[in-house]
């Protein structure tokens, strides 16, 4: 399996640090989260885009190995409608790890007091372990280890 890549420039944190209990208590699955410093959000793994919420704030990718990954941009960001997120892919597209998925105007998030954290969750049951890196660059590898279903 290919290496999981950082989805943006910024910081990687554990899910437990996300203020929404749906993510911090791993109700949807294990994963990690990113605190972005730029506007581009890219694919952590290669696969098929299987879901995009109409506002673009949530996007799902299924890998060839059957891993299902949810990328959720911001907390309560759906309240912004589609004004802050431009989608660069559509459902059914094949994407490569590191490929741009979204362009996000985080200034709109901040102006509306929306948390910019980006949880990335394995909804298919894999668990992950952070490597210890905190500052990351989009496309950086070896930031997490993925383990088969727990």
C-alpha atoms as a PDB file:
ATOM      1  CA  UNK A   1       0.000   0.000   0.000  1.00  0.00           C
ATOM      2  CA  UNK A   2       1.152   3.523  -0.747  1.00  0.00           C
ATOM      3  CA  UNK A   3       2.109   5.940   1.994  1.00  0.00           C
ATOM      4  CA  UNK A   4      -0.468   8.260   3.568  1.00  0.00           C
ATOM      5  CA  UNK A   5       0.392  11.864   2.636  1.00  0.00           C
ATOM      6  CA  UNK A   6      -0.227  15.146   4.438  1.00  0.00           C
ATOM      7  CA  UNK A   7      -3.333  16.737   2.895  1.00  0.00           C
ATOM      8  CA  UNK A   8      -2.184  20.319   3.434  1.00  0.00           C
ATOM      9  CA  UNK A   9       0.544  22.542   4.802  1.00  0.00           C
ATOM     10  CA  UNK A  10       0.156  23.088   8.528  1.00  0.00           C
ATOM     11  CA  UNK A  11       0.120  20.894  11.616  1.00  0.00           C
ATOM     12  CA  UNK A  12      -1.035  17.322  12.124  1.00  0.00           C
ATOM     13  CA  UNK A  13      -2.764  16.509  15.416  1.00  0.00           C
ATOM     14  CA  UNK A  14      -4.467  13.493  16.949  1.00  0.00           C
ATOM     15  CA  UNK A  15      -8.235  13.146  16.594  1.00  0.00           C
ATOM     16  CA  UNK A  16      -8.525  13.393  20.377  1.00  0.00           C
ATOM     17  CA  UNK A  17      -7.499  17.058  20.055  1.00  0.00           C
ATOM     18  CA  UNK A  18     -10.501  17.909  17.819  1.00  0.00           C
ATOM     19  CA  UNK A  19     -13.212  19.751  19.777  1.00  0.00           C
ATOM     20  CA  UNK A  20     -16.116  17.824  18.183  1.00  0.00           C
ATOM     21  CA  UNK A  21     -16.768  14.537  20.067  1.00  0.00           C
ATOM     22  CA  UNK A  22     -17.894  12.799  16.853  1.00  0.00           C
ATOM     23  CA  UNK A  23     -14.244  12.968  15.817  1.00  0.00           C
ATOM     24  CA  UNK A  24     -12.381  13.093  19.152  1.00  0.00           C
ATOM     25  CA  UNK A  25     -14.215  10.031  20.472  1.00  0.00           C
ATOM     26  CA  UNK A  26     -13.665   8.258  17.131  1.00  0.00           C
ATOM     27  CA  UNK A  27     -17.378   7.625  16.594  1.00  0.00           C
ATOM     28  CA  UNK A  28     -16.807   7.490  12.824  1.00  0.00           C
ATOM     29  CA  UNK A  29     -13.426   5.747  13.009  1.00  0.00           C
ATOM     30  CA  UNK A  30      -9.769   6.380  13.742  1.00  0.00           C
ATOM     31  CA  UNK A  31      -7.700   8.971  11.951  1.00  0.00           C
ATOM     32  CA  UNK A  32      -5.907  12.255  12.456  1.00  0.00           C
ATOM     33  CA  UNK A  33      -6.583  15.925  11.858  1.00  0.00           C
ATOM     34  CA  UNK A  34      -4.812  18.838  10.217  1.00  0.00           C
ATOM     35  CA  UNK A  35      -4.642  22.515  11.148  1.00  0.00           C
ATOM     36  CA  UNK A  36      -4.144  24.090   7.708  1.00  0.00           C
ATOM     37  CA  UNK A  37      -1.900  27.037   6.956  1.00  0.00           C
ATOM     38  CA  UNK A  38      -2.734  27.191   3.232  1.00  0.00           C
ATOM     39  CA  UNK A  39      -5.843  26.935   1.088  1.00  0.00           C
ATOM     40  CA  UNK A  40      -5.248  23.675  -0.824  1.00  0.00           C
ATOM     41  CA  UNK A  41      -6.549  20.316   0.426  1.00  0.00           C
ATOM     42  CA  UNK A  42      -5.169  17.237  -1.352  1.00  0.00           C
ATOM     43  CA  UNK A  43      -5.770  13.485  -1.331  1.00  0.00           C
ATOM     44  CA  UNK A  44      -3.986  11.509   1.408  1.00  0.00           C
ATOM     45  CA  UNK A  45      -4.215   8.283  -0.638  1.00  0.00           C
ATOM     46  CA  UNK A  46      -5.049   7.310  -4.215  1.00  0.00           C
ATOM     47  CA  UNK A  47      -8.513   6.002  -4.989  1.00  0.00           C
ATOM     48  CA  UNK A  48     -11.960   6.932  -6.226  1.00  0.00           C
ATOM     49  CA  UNK A  49     -13.940   9.917  -4.975  1.00  0.00           C
ATOM     50  CA  UNK A  50     -17.075   8.187  -3.699  1.00  0.00           C
ATOM     51  CA  UNK A  51     -18.870  11.035  -1.939  1.00  0.00           C
ATOM     52  CA  UNK A  52     -18.862  14.818  -1.839  1.00  0.00           C
ATOM     53  CA  UNK A  53     -21.281  16.698   0.386  1.00  0.00           C
ATOM     54  CA  UNK A  54     -23.066  19.418  -1.658  1.00  0.00           C
ATOM     55  CA  UNK A  55     -21.231  22.235   0.168  1.00  0.00           C
ATOM     56  CA  UNK A  56     -17.889  20.490  -0.446  1.00  0.00           C
ATOM     57  CA  UNK A  57     -16.977  20.388   3.247  1.00  0.00           C
ATOM     58  CA  UNK A  58     -16.928  16.571   3.370  1.00  0.00           C
ATOM     59  CA  UNK A  59     -15.438  14.237   0.802  1.00  0.00           C
ATOM     60  CA  UNK A  60     -14.945  10.467   0.723  1.00  0.00           C
ATOM     61  CA  UNK A  61     -12.271   8.439  -1.065  1.00  0.00           C
ATOM     62  CA  UNK A  62     -12.197   4.643  -1.398  1.00  0.00           C
ATOM     63  CA  UNK A  63      -8.767   3.161  -2.091  1.00  0.00           C
ATOM     64  CA  UNK A  64      -8.113   0.106  -4.256  1.00  0.00           C
ATOM     65  CA  UNK A  65      -7.486  -1.810  -1.001  1.00  0.00           C
ATOM     66  CA  UNK A  66     -11.018  -0.937   0.128  1.00  0.00           C
ATOM     67  CA  UNK A  67     -10.040   1.667   2.729  1.00  0.00           C
ATOM     68  CA  UNK A  68     -12.697   4.344   3.060  1.00  0.00           C
ATOM     69  CA  UNK A  69     -11.369   7.754   4.039  1.00  0.00           C
ATOM     70  CA  UNK A  70     -13.503  10.755   5.005  1.00  0.00           C
ATOM     71  CA  UNK A  71     -12.005  14.246   4.778  1.00  0.00           C
ATOM     72  CA  UNK A  72     -14.100  16.760   6.734  1.00  0.00           C
ATOM     73  CA  UNK A  73     -13.094  20.408   6.267  1.00  0.00           C
ATOM     74  CA  UNK A  74     -13.882  22.464   9.360  1.00  0.00           C
ATOM     75  CA  UNK A  75     -16.390  21.976  12.152  1.00  0.00           C
ATOM     76  CA  UNK A  76     -19.943  23.150  11.402  1.00  0.00           C
ATOM     77  CA  UNK A  77     -18.632  24.436   8.085  1.00  0.00           C
ATOM     78  CA  UNK A  78     -21.786  23.250   6.320  1.00  0.00           C
ATOM     79  CA  UNK A  79     -23.387  26.448   7.670  1.00  0.00           C
ATOM     80  CA  UNK A  80     -21.314  28.428   5.146  1.00  0.00           C
ATOM     81  CA  UNK A  81     -22.998  26.720   2.208  1.00  0.00           C
ATOM     82  CA  UNK A  82     -20.704  26.563  -0.805  1.00  0.00           C
ATOM     83  CA  UNK A  83     -19.240  30.059  -0.424  1.00  0.00           C
ATOM     84  CA  UNK A  84     -15.853  29.053   1.045  1.00  0.00           C
ATOM     85  CA  UNK A  85     -14.962  25.800  -0.735  1.00  0.00           C
ATOM     86  CA  UNK A  86     -14.250  25.197  -4.421  1.00  0.00           C
ATOM     87  CA  UNK A  87     -14.338  21.552  -5.465  1.00  0.00           C
ATOM     88  CA  UNK A  88     -11.597  20.438  -7.878  1.00  0.00           C
ATOM     89  CA  UNK A  89     -12.945  16.875  -8.296  1.00  0.00           C
ATOM     90  CA  UNK A  90     -16.313  15.177  -8.622  1.00  0.00           C
ATOM     91  CA  UNK A  91     -17.805  11.867  -7.514  1.00  0.00           C
ATOM     92  CA  UNK A  92     -16.421   9.038  -9.643  1.00  0.00           C
ATOM     93  CA  UNK A  93     -13.063  10.727 -10.310  1.00  0.00           C
ATOM     94  CA  UNK A  94      -9.899   8.688  -9.711  1.00  0.00           C
ATOM     95  CA  UNK A  95      -7.404  10.686  -7.712  1.00  0.00           C
ATOM     96  CA  UNK A  96      -3.742  10.176  -6.916  1.00  0.00           C
ATOM     97  CA  UNK A  97      -2.303  10.792  -3.470  1.00  0.00           C
ATOM     98  CA  UNK A  98      -1.211  14.407  -3.312  1.00  0.00           C
ATOM     99  CA  UNK A  99      -3.711  15.529  -5.982  1.00  0.00           C
ATOM    100  CA  UNK A 100      -5.657  18.702  -5.173  1.00  0.00           C
ATOM    101  CA  UNK A 101      -9.240  18.016  -4.079  1.00  0.00           C
ATOM    102  CA  UNK A 102     -10.411  21.370  -2.760  1.00  0.00           C
ATOM    103  CA  UNK A 103      -9.467  25.033  -2.614  1.00  0.00           C
ATOM    104  CA  UNK A 104     -10.687  26.546   0.649  1.00  0.00           C
ATOM    105  CA  UNK A 105     -11.000  30.183   1.694  1.00  0.00           C
ATOM    106  CA  UNK A 106     -10.216  29.797   5.387  1.00  0.00           C
ATOM    107  CA  UNK A 107     -10.553  33.575   5.864  1.00  0.00           C
ATOM    108  CA  UNK A 108     -14.319  33.081   5.394  1.00  0.00           C
ATOM    109  CA  UNK A 109     -14.201  30.314   8.023  1.00  0.00           C
ATOM    110  CA  UNK A 110     -12.408  32.588  10.499  1.00  0.00           C
ATOM    111  CA  UNK A 111     -14.733  35.537   9.772  1.00  0.00           C
ATOM    112  CA  UNK A 112     -17.650  33.263  10.708  1.00  0.00           C
ATOM    113  CA  UNK A 113     -15.930  31.724  13.766  1.00  0.00           C
ATOM    114  CA  UNK A 114     -15.761  28.307  12.086  1.00  0.00           C
ATOM    115  CA  UNK A 115     -13.005  25.976  13.291  1.00  0.00           C
ATOM    116  CA  UNK A 116     -10.636  25.275  10.359  1.00  0.00           C
ATOM    117  CA  UNK A 117      -9.494  21.838  11.606  1.00  0.00           C
ATOM    118  CA  UNK A 118      -9.647  19.065   8.973  1.00  0.00           C
ATOM    119  CA  UNK A 119     -10.310  15.596  10.418  1.00  0.00           C
ATOM    120  CA  UNK A 120      -9.313  12.673   8.183  1.00  0.00           C
ATOM    121  CA  UNK A 121     -11.059   9.477   9.315  1.00  0.00           C
ATOM    122  CA  UNK A 122     -10.835   5.845   8.200  1.00  0.00           C
ATOM    123  CA  UNK A 123     -14.535   4.960   8.234  1.00  0.00           C
ATOM    124  CA  UNK A 124     -13.718   1.396   7.113  1.00  0.00           C
ATOM    125  CA  UNK A 125     -12.150   0.467  10.451  1.00  0.00           C
ATOM    126  CA  UNK A 126      -8.387   0.915  10.058  1.00  0.00           C
ATOM    127  CA  UNK A 127      -6.500   2.457  12.920  1.00  0.00           C
ATOM    128  CA  UNK A 128      -3.561   4.797  12.642  1.00  0.00           C
ATOM    129  CA  UNK A 129      -0.593   5.933  14.658  1.00  0.00           C
ATOM    130  CA  UNK A 130       1.013   9.347  14.266  1.00  0.00           C
ATOM    131  CA  UNK A 131       4.743   9.345  13.568  1.00  0.00           C
ATOM    132  CA  UNK A 132       5.460  12.207  15.916  1.00  0.00           C
ATOM    133  CA  UNK A 133       5.739  14.922  13.257  1.00  0.00           C
ATOM    134  CA  UNK A 134       3.749  18.028  14.062  1.00  0.00           C
ATOM    135  CA  UNK A 135       4.518  20.547  11.318  1.00  0.00           C
ATOM    136  CA  UNK A 136       3.795  19.055   7.896  1.00  0.00           C
ATOM    137  CA  UNK A 137       4.054  20.043   4.254  1.00  0.00           C
ATOM    138  CA  UNK A 138       1.387  18.963   1.783  1.00  0.00           C
ATOM    139  CA  UNK A 139       2.408  15.641   0.243  1.00  0.00           C
ATOM    140  CA  UNK A 140       4.793  14.770   3.082  1.00  0.00           C
ATOM    141  CA  UNK A 141       4.952  11.022   3.706  1.00  0.00           C
ATOM    142  CA  UNK A 142       5.691   8.881   6.763  1.00  0.00           C
ATOM    143  CA  UNK A 143       3.470  10.982   9.027  1.00  0.00           C
ATOM    144  CA  UNK A 144       1.161   8.110  10.018  1.00  0.00           C
ATOM    145  CA  UNK A 145       1.219   4.329  10.041  1.00  0.00           C
ATOM    146  CA  UNK A 146      -1.997   2.592   8.980  1.00  0.00           C
ATOM    147  CA  UNK A 147      -2.962  -0.687  10.615  1.00  0.00           C
ATOM    148  CA  UNK A 148      -5.596  -3.093   9.324  1.00  0.00           C
ATOM    149  CA  UNK A 149      -8.977  -3.155  11.017  1.00  0.00           C
ATOM    150  CA  UNK A 150      -8.739  -3.363  14.780  1.00  0.00           C
END
